[in-house]
């Protein structure tokens, strides 16, 4: 499944990383409900318990945990503590995503 990324605030260089972008459709609850995450996993045909969610708010972390994601990373460029956001880890750039997944999730 592919999504139209037109109009989204996803930097051009990151767009190849996404096969689907899911928003809150009619009838879906917004985060911290897991609806958006569960719908995205269903569209992509993946087991949500084998996914990592990346967000930047407490609501993102709560939605990821409610959906059953294996992990939740929070992107922060400031000194906010990841414990305050409820995420499993705090990263400061997209470059750290792959490293975190390999070191903390795949080798568990």
N, C-alpha and C. Protein backbone atom coordinates (compact mmCIF):
# COMPACT_ATOMS: atom_id res chain seq x y z
N UNK A 1 0.84 -1.19 0.00
CA UNK A 1 0.00 0.00 0.00
C UNK A 1 0.88 1.24 0.00
N UNK A 2 0.46 2.23 -0.75
CA UNK A 2 1.21 3.48 -0.80
C UNK A 2 0.28 4.62 -0.45
N UNK A 3 0.85 5.67 0.13
CA UNK A 3 0.08 6.84 0.49
C UNK A 3 0.57 8.03 -0.31
N UNK A 4 -0.32 8.97 -0.51
CA UNK A 4 0.05 10.24 -1.11
C UNK A 4 0.65 11.10 -0.01
N UNK A 5 1.92 11.44 -0.15
CA UNK A 5 2.61 12.22 0.88
C UNK A 5 2.52 13.71 0.62
N UNK A 6 1.78 14.11 -0.41
CA UNK A 6 1.64 15.52 -0.74
C UNK A 6 1.00 16.27 0.43
N UNK A 7 1.58 17.38 0.78
CA UNK A 7 1.00 18.21 1.84
C UNK A 7 1.40 17.81 3.25
N UNK A 8 2.10 16.70 3.40
CA UNK A 8 2.52 16.28 4.73
C UNK A 8 3.85 16.92 5.07
N UNK A 9 4.09 17.11 6.35
CA UNK A 9 5.33 17.75 6.80
C UNK A 9 6.45 16.72 6.96
N UNK A 10 6.63 15.90 5.96
CA UNK A 10 7.71 14.91 5.97
C UNK A 10 8.79 15.43 5.03
N UNK A 11 10.00 15.65 5.55
CA UNK A 11 11.07 16.15 4.68
C UNK A 11 11.27 15.23 3.47
N UNK A 12 11.54 15.83 2.35
CA UNK A 12 11.70 15.09 1.09
C UNK A 12 12.67 13.92 1.21
N UNK A 13 13.78 14.12 1.92
CA UNK A 13 14.80 13.06 2.03
C UNK A 13 14.32 11.87 2.86
N UNK A 14 13.28 12.06 3.67
CA UNK A 14 12.76 10.96 4.49
C UNK A 14 11.62 10.21 3.81
N UNK A 15 11.02 10.78 2.82
CA UNK A 15 9.84 10.17 2.19
C UNK A 15 10.07 8.76 1.66
N UNK A 16 11.25 8.42 1.14
CA UNK A 16 11.46 7.04 0.68
C UNK A 16 11.38 6.01 1.82
N UNK A 17 11.46 6.46 3.07
CA UNK A 17 11.40 5.54 4.21
C UNK A 17 9.97 5.08 4.50
N UNK A 18 8.97 5.73 3.90
CA UNK A 18 7.58 5.46 4.24
C UNK A 18 6.85 4.77 3.09
N UNK A 19 6.20 3.64 3.40
CA UNK A 19 5.34 2.99 2.42
C UNK A 19 3.90 3.43 2.62
N UNK A 20 3.57 3.88 3.81
CA UNK A 20 2.20 4.29 4.11
C UNK A 20 2.22 5.32 5.23
N UNK A 21 1.37 6.31 5.13
CA UNK A 21 1.20 7.29 6.20
C UNK A 21 -0.27 7.28 6.56
N UNK A 22 -0.58 7.08 7.83
CA UNK A 22 -1.96 6.94 8.26
C UNK A 22 -2.35 8.10 9.17
N UNK A 23 -3.44 8.74 8.85
CA UNK A 23 -4.01 9.77 9.71
C UNK A 23 -5.24 9.23 10.41
N UNK A 24 -5.91 10.09 11.14
CA UNK A 24 -7.13 9.69 11.84
C UNK A 24 -8.29 9.78 10.85
N UNK A 25 -8.81 8.65 10.44
CA UNK A 25 -9.94 8.60 9.52
C UNK A 25 -11.25 8.79 10.27
N UNK A 26 -12.32 9.05 9.54
CA UNK A 26 -13.64 9.19 10.15
C UNK A 26 -13.97 7.95 10.97
N UNK A 27 -14.47 8.16 12.16
CA UNK A 27 -14.84 7.05 13.04
C UNK A 27 -13.71 6.54 13.91
N UNK A 28 -12.50 7.03 13.68
CA UNK A 28 -11.36 6.61 14.50
C UNK A 28 -11.17 7.59 15.65
N UNK A 29 -10.72 7.07 16.77
CA UNK A 29 -10.37 7.93 17.90
C UNK A 29 -8.95 8.43 17.70
N UNK A 30 -8.69 9.62 18.20
CA UNK A 30 -7.33 10.16 18.10
C UNK A 30 -6.46 9.61 19.22
N UNK A 31 -5.15 9.79 19.09
CA UNK A 31 -4.22 9.32 20.12
C UNK A 31 -4.57 10.00 21.44
N UNK A 32 -4.49 9.28 22.52
CA UNK A 32 -3.72 8.07 22.76
C UNK A 32 -4.41 6.75 22.39
N UNK A 33 -5.55 6.80 21.72
CA UNK A 33 -6.15 5.57 21.22
C UNK A 33 -5.20 4.94 20.21
N UNK A 34 -5.12 3.62 20.16
CA UNK A 34 -4.22 2.96 19.20
C UNK A 34 -4.81 2.83 17.80
N UNK A 35 -5.99 3.39 17.54
CA UNK A 35 -6.68 3.19 16.27
C UNK A 35 -5.80 3.44 15.04
N UNK A 36 -5.10 4.57 15.02
CA UNK A 36 -4.29 4.93 13.85
C UNK A 36 -3.17 3.91 13.63
N UNK A 37 -2.54 3.49 14.71
CA UNK A 37 -1.43 2.53 14.60
C UNK A 37 -1.95 1.18 14.13
N UNK A 38 -3.06 0.74 14.69
CA UNK A 38 -3.63 -0.55 14.30
C UNK A 38 -4.08 -0.55 12.84
N UNK A 39 -4.66 0.56 12.38
CA UNK A 39 -5.09 0.67 10.98
C UNK A 39 -3.88 0.63 10.05
N UNK A 40 -2.83 1.34 10.40
CA UNK A 40 -1.62 1.36 9.58
C UNK A 40 -1.03 -0.05 9.47
N UNK A 41 -0.95 -0.75 10.59
CA UNK A 41 -0.41 -2.11 10.58
C UNK A 41 -1.27 -3.02 9.69
N UNK A 42 -2.59 -2.85 9.78
CA UNK A 42 -3.49 -3.66 8.96
C UNK A 42 -3.31 -3.37 7.47
N UNK A 43 -3.20 -2.10 7.11
CA UNK A 43 -3.01 -1.72 5.71
C UNK A 43 -1.71 -2.31 5.16
N UNK A 44 -0.67 -2.28 5.98
CA UNK A 44 0.63 -2.80 5.56
C UNK A 44 0.76 -4.31 5.70
N UNK A 45 -0.20 -4.93 6.40
CA UNK A 45 -0.16 -6.37 6.59
C UNK A 45 0.94 -6.83 7.52
N UNK A 46 1.21 -6.03 8.56
CA UNK A 46 2.26 -6.38 9.52
C UNK A 46 1.66 -6.63 10.90
N UNK A 47 2.33 -7.43 11.68
CA UNK A 47 1.95 -7.71 13.06
C UNK A 47 2.39 -6.53 13.91
N UNK A 48 1.44 -5.82 14.50
CA UNK A 48 1.76 -4.62 15.27
C UNK A 48 2.71 -4.91 16.43
N UNK A 49 2.72 -6.13 16.92
CA UNK A 49 3.61 -6.47 18.04
C UNK A 49 5.06 -6.61 17.59
N UNK A 50 5.30 -6.43 16.29
CA UNK A 50 6.67 -6.47 15.76
C UNK A 50 7.05 -5.11 15.16
N UNK A 51 6.37 -4.07 15.63
CA UNK A 51 6.63 -2.73 15.11
C UNK A 51 7.22 -1.81 16.17
N UNK A 52 7.91 -0.81 15.70
CA UNK A 52 8.44 0.25 16.56
C UNK A 52 7.75 1.54 16.13
N UNK A 53 7.22 2.26 17.08
CA UNK A 53 6.54 3.52 16.80
C UNK A 53 7.47 4.67 17.14
N UNK A 54 7.49 5.67 16.29
CA UNK A 54 8.33 6.84 16.51
C UNK A 54 7.43 8.06 16.62
N UNK A 55 7.53 8.76 17.73
CA UNK A 55 6.70 9.94 17.95
C UNK A 55 7.43 10.99 18.74
N UNK A 56 6.68 12.00 19.17
CA UNK A 56 7.34 13.06 19.93
C UNK A 56 6.48 13.61 21.07
N UNK A 57 5.44 12.86 21.46
CA UNK A 57 4.59 13.32 22.56
C UNK A 57 4.22 12.16 23.48
N UNK A 58 3.68 12.51 24.65
CA UNK A 58 3.19 11.48 25.58
C UNK A 58 2.06 10.69 24.94
N UNK A 59 1.21 11.37 24.17
CA UNK A 59 0.09 10.68 23.51
C UNK A 59 0.60 9.65 22.51
N UNK A 60 1.70 9.94 21.82
CA UNK A 60 2.29 8.97 20.90
C UNK A 60 2.75 7.73 21.65
N UNK A 61 3.45 7.93 22.75
CA UNK A 61 3.95 6.80 23.54
C UNK A 61 2.80 5.98 24.09
N UNK A 62 1.75 6.64 24.57
CA UNK A 62 0.59 5.92 25.11
C UNK A 62 -0.11 5.12 24.02
N UNK A 63 -0.24 5.69 22.83
CA UNK A 63 -0.88 4.99 21.72
C UNK A 63 -0.06 3.77 21.31
N UNK A 64 1.25 3.92 21.25
CA UNK A 64 2.13 2.80 20.88
C UNK A 64 2.00 1.66 21.88
N UNK A 65 2.00 1.98 23.15
CA UNK A 65 1.87 0.94 24.18
C UNK A 65 0.49 0.29 24.11
N UNK A 66 -0.56 1.08 23.90
CA UNK A 66 -1.92 0.53 23.79
C UNK A 66 -2.06 -0.37 22.57
N UNK A 67 -1.36 -0.06 21.50
CA UNK A 67 -1.43 -0.87 20.28
C UNK A 67 -0.64 -2.17 20.42
N UNK A 68 0.32 -2.19 21.34
CA UNK A 68 1.14 -3.38 21.51
C UNK A 68 2.45 -3.34 20.74
N UNK A 69 2.87 -2.15 20.32
CA UNK A 69 4.15 -2.03 19.61
C UNK A 69 5.28 -2.55 20.50
N UNK A 70 6.29 -3.11 19.89
CA UNK A 70 7.43 -3.66 20.63
C UNK A 70 8.25 -2.54 21.26
N UNK A 71 8.17 -1.35 20.72
CA UNK A 71 8.92 -0.23 21.28
C UNK A 71 8.38 1.09 20.80
N UNK A 72 8.74 2.14 21.52
CA UNK A 72 8.38 3.49 21.13
C UNK A 72 9.58 4.38 21.32
N UNK A 73 9.98 5.04 20.26
CA UNK A 73 11.09 5.97 20.32
C UNK A 73 10.54 7.38 20.24
N UNK A 74 11.14 8.27 20.99
CA UNK A 74 10.75 9.67 20.93
C UNK A 74 11.90 10.48 20.36
N UNK A 75 11.59 11.27 19.37
CA UNK A 75 12.59 12.15 18.77
C UNK A 75 12.54 13.47 19.51
N UNK A 76 13.64 13.86 20.10
CA UNK A 76 13.74 15.13 20.81
C UNK A 76 15.08 15.75 20.52
N UNK A 77 15.07 17.02 20.26
CA UNK A 77 16.31 17.75 20.05
C UNK A 77 16.64 18.64 21.24
N UNK A 78 15.83 18.55 22.29
CA UNK A 78 16.09 19.34 23.49
C UNK A 78 16.41 18.40 24.64
N UNK A 79 16.40 18.90 25.85
CA UNK A 79 16.83 18.09 27.00
C UNK A 79 15.69 17.38 27.70
N UNK A 80 14.52 17.25 27.07
CA UNK A 80 13.39 16.58 27.70
C UNK A 80 13.76 15.14 28.02
N UNK A 81 13.44 14.71 29.21
CA UNK A 81 13.74 13.34 29.65
C UNK A 81 12.73 12.38 29.03
N UNK A 82 13.21 11.27 28.47
CA UNK A 82 12.30 10.30 27.84
C UNK A 82 11.31 9.71 28.83
N UNK A 83 11.68 9.64 30.11
CA UNK A 83 10.74 9.12 31.11
C UNK A 83 9.52 10.02 31.22
N UNK A 84 9.71 11.30 31.02
CA UNK A 84 8.60 12.25 31.07
C UNK A 84 7.60 12.02 29.94
N UNK A 85 8.06 11.45 28.84
CA UNK A 85 7.21 11.24 27.68
C UNK A 85 6.64 9.82 27.62
N UNK A 86 7.16 8.92 28.42
CA UNK A 86 6.65 7.56 28.44
C UNK A 86 7.20 6.67 27.34
N UNK A 87 8.20 7.14 26.63
CA UNK A 87 8.78 6.34 25.54
C UNK A 87 9.80 5.36 26.09
N UNK A 88 10.13 4.36 25.29
CA UNK A 88 11.15 3.39 25.67
C UNK A 88 12.55 3.97 25.54
N UNK A 89 12.70 4.92 24.64
CA UNK A 89 14.02 5.53 24.43
C UNK A 89 13.86 6.91 23.84
N UNK A 90 14.85 7.73 24.10
CA UNK A 90 14.91 9.08 23.56
C UNK A 90 16.03 9.13 22.53
N UNK A 91 15.72 9.57 21.33
CA UNK A 91 16.75 9.74 20.32
C UNK A 91 16.69 11.19 19.84
N UNK A 92 17.79 11.68 19.33
CA UNK A 92 17.83 13.08 18.92
C UNK A 92 17.80 13.28 17.41
N UNK A 93 17.88 12.18 16.65
CA UNK A 93 17.82 12.31 15.19
C UNK A 93 17.34 11.01 14.56
N UNK A 94 16.85 11.13 13.34
CA UNK A 94 16.40 9.95 12.62
C UNK A 94 17.54 8.98 12.36
N UNK A 95 18.76 9.48 12.32
CA UNK A 95 19.93 8.63 12.09
C UNK A 95 20.09 7.56 13.17
N UNK A 96 19.54 7.78 14.34
CA UNK A 96 19.70 6.85 15.46
C UNK A 96 18.66 5.73 15.47
N UNK A 97 17.66 5.81 14.63
CA UNK A 97 16.57 4.83 14.64
C UNK A 97 17.09 3.42 14.35
N UNK A 98 17.78 3.26 13.25
CA UNK A 98 18.26 1.94 12.86
C UNK A 98 19.17 1.33 13.91
N UNK A 99 20.08 2.12 14.44
CA UNK A 99 21.00 1.64 15.47
C UNK A 99 20.23 1.18 16.70
N UNK A 100 19.27 1.97 17.14
CA UNK A 100 18.50 1.60 18.33
C UNK A 100 17.76 0.28 18.10
N UNK A 101 17.11 0.15 16.96
CA UNK A 101 16.36 -1.08 16.67
C UNK A 101 17.27 -2.30 16.68
N UNK A 102 18.42 -2.21 16.03
CA UNK A 102 19.33 -3.35 15.99
C UNK A 102 19.92 -3.66 17.36
N UNK A 103 20.28 -2.65 18.13
CA UNK A 103 20.93 -2.88 19.42
C UNK A 103 19.98 -3.24 20.56
N UNK A 104 18.75 -2.75 20.50
CA UNK A 104 17.86 -2.92 21.65
C UNK A 104 16.62 -3.77 21.39
N UNK A 105 16.30 -4.01 20.15
CA UNK A 105 15.08 -4.77 19.86
C UNK A 105 15.40 -6.08 19.15
N UNK A 106 16.16 -6.03 18.09
CA UNK A 106 16.42 -7.25 17.31
C UNK A 106 17.30 -8.24 18.03
N UNK A 107 18.17 -7.78 18.92
CA UNK A 107 19.07 -8.71 19.59
C UNK A 107 18.57 -9.14 20.97
N UNK A 108 17.34 -8.76 21.32
CA UNK A 108 16.78 -9.18 22.61
C UNK A 108 16.53 -10.67 22.62
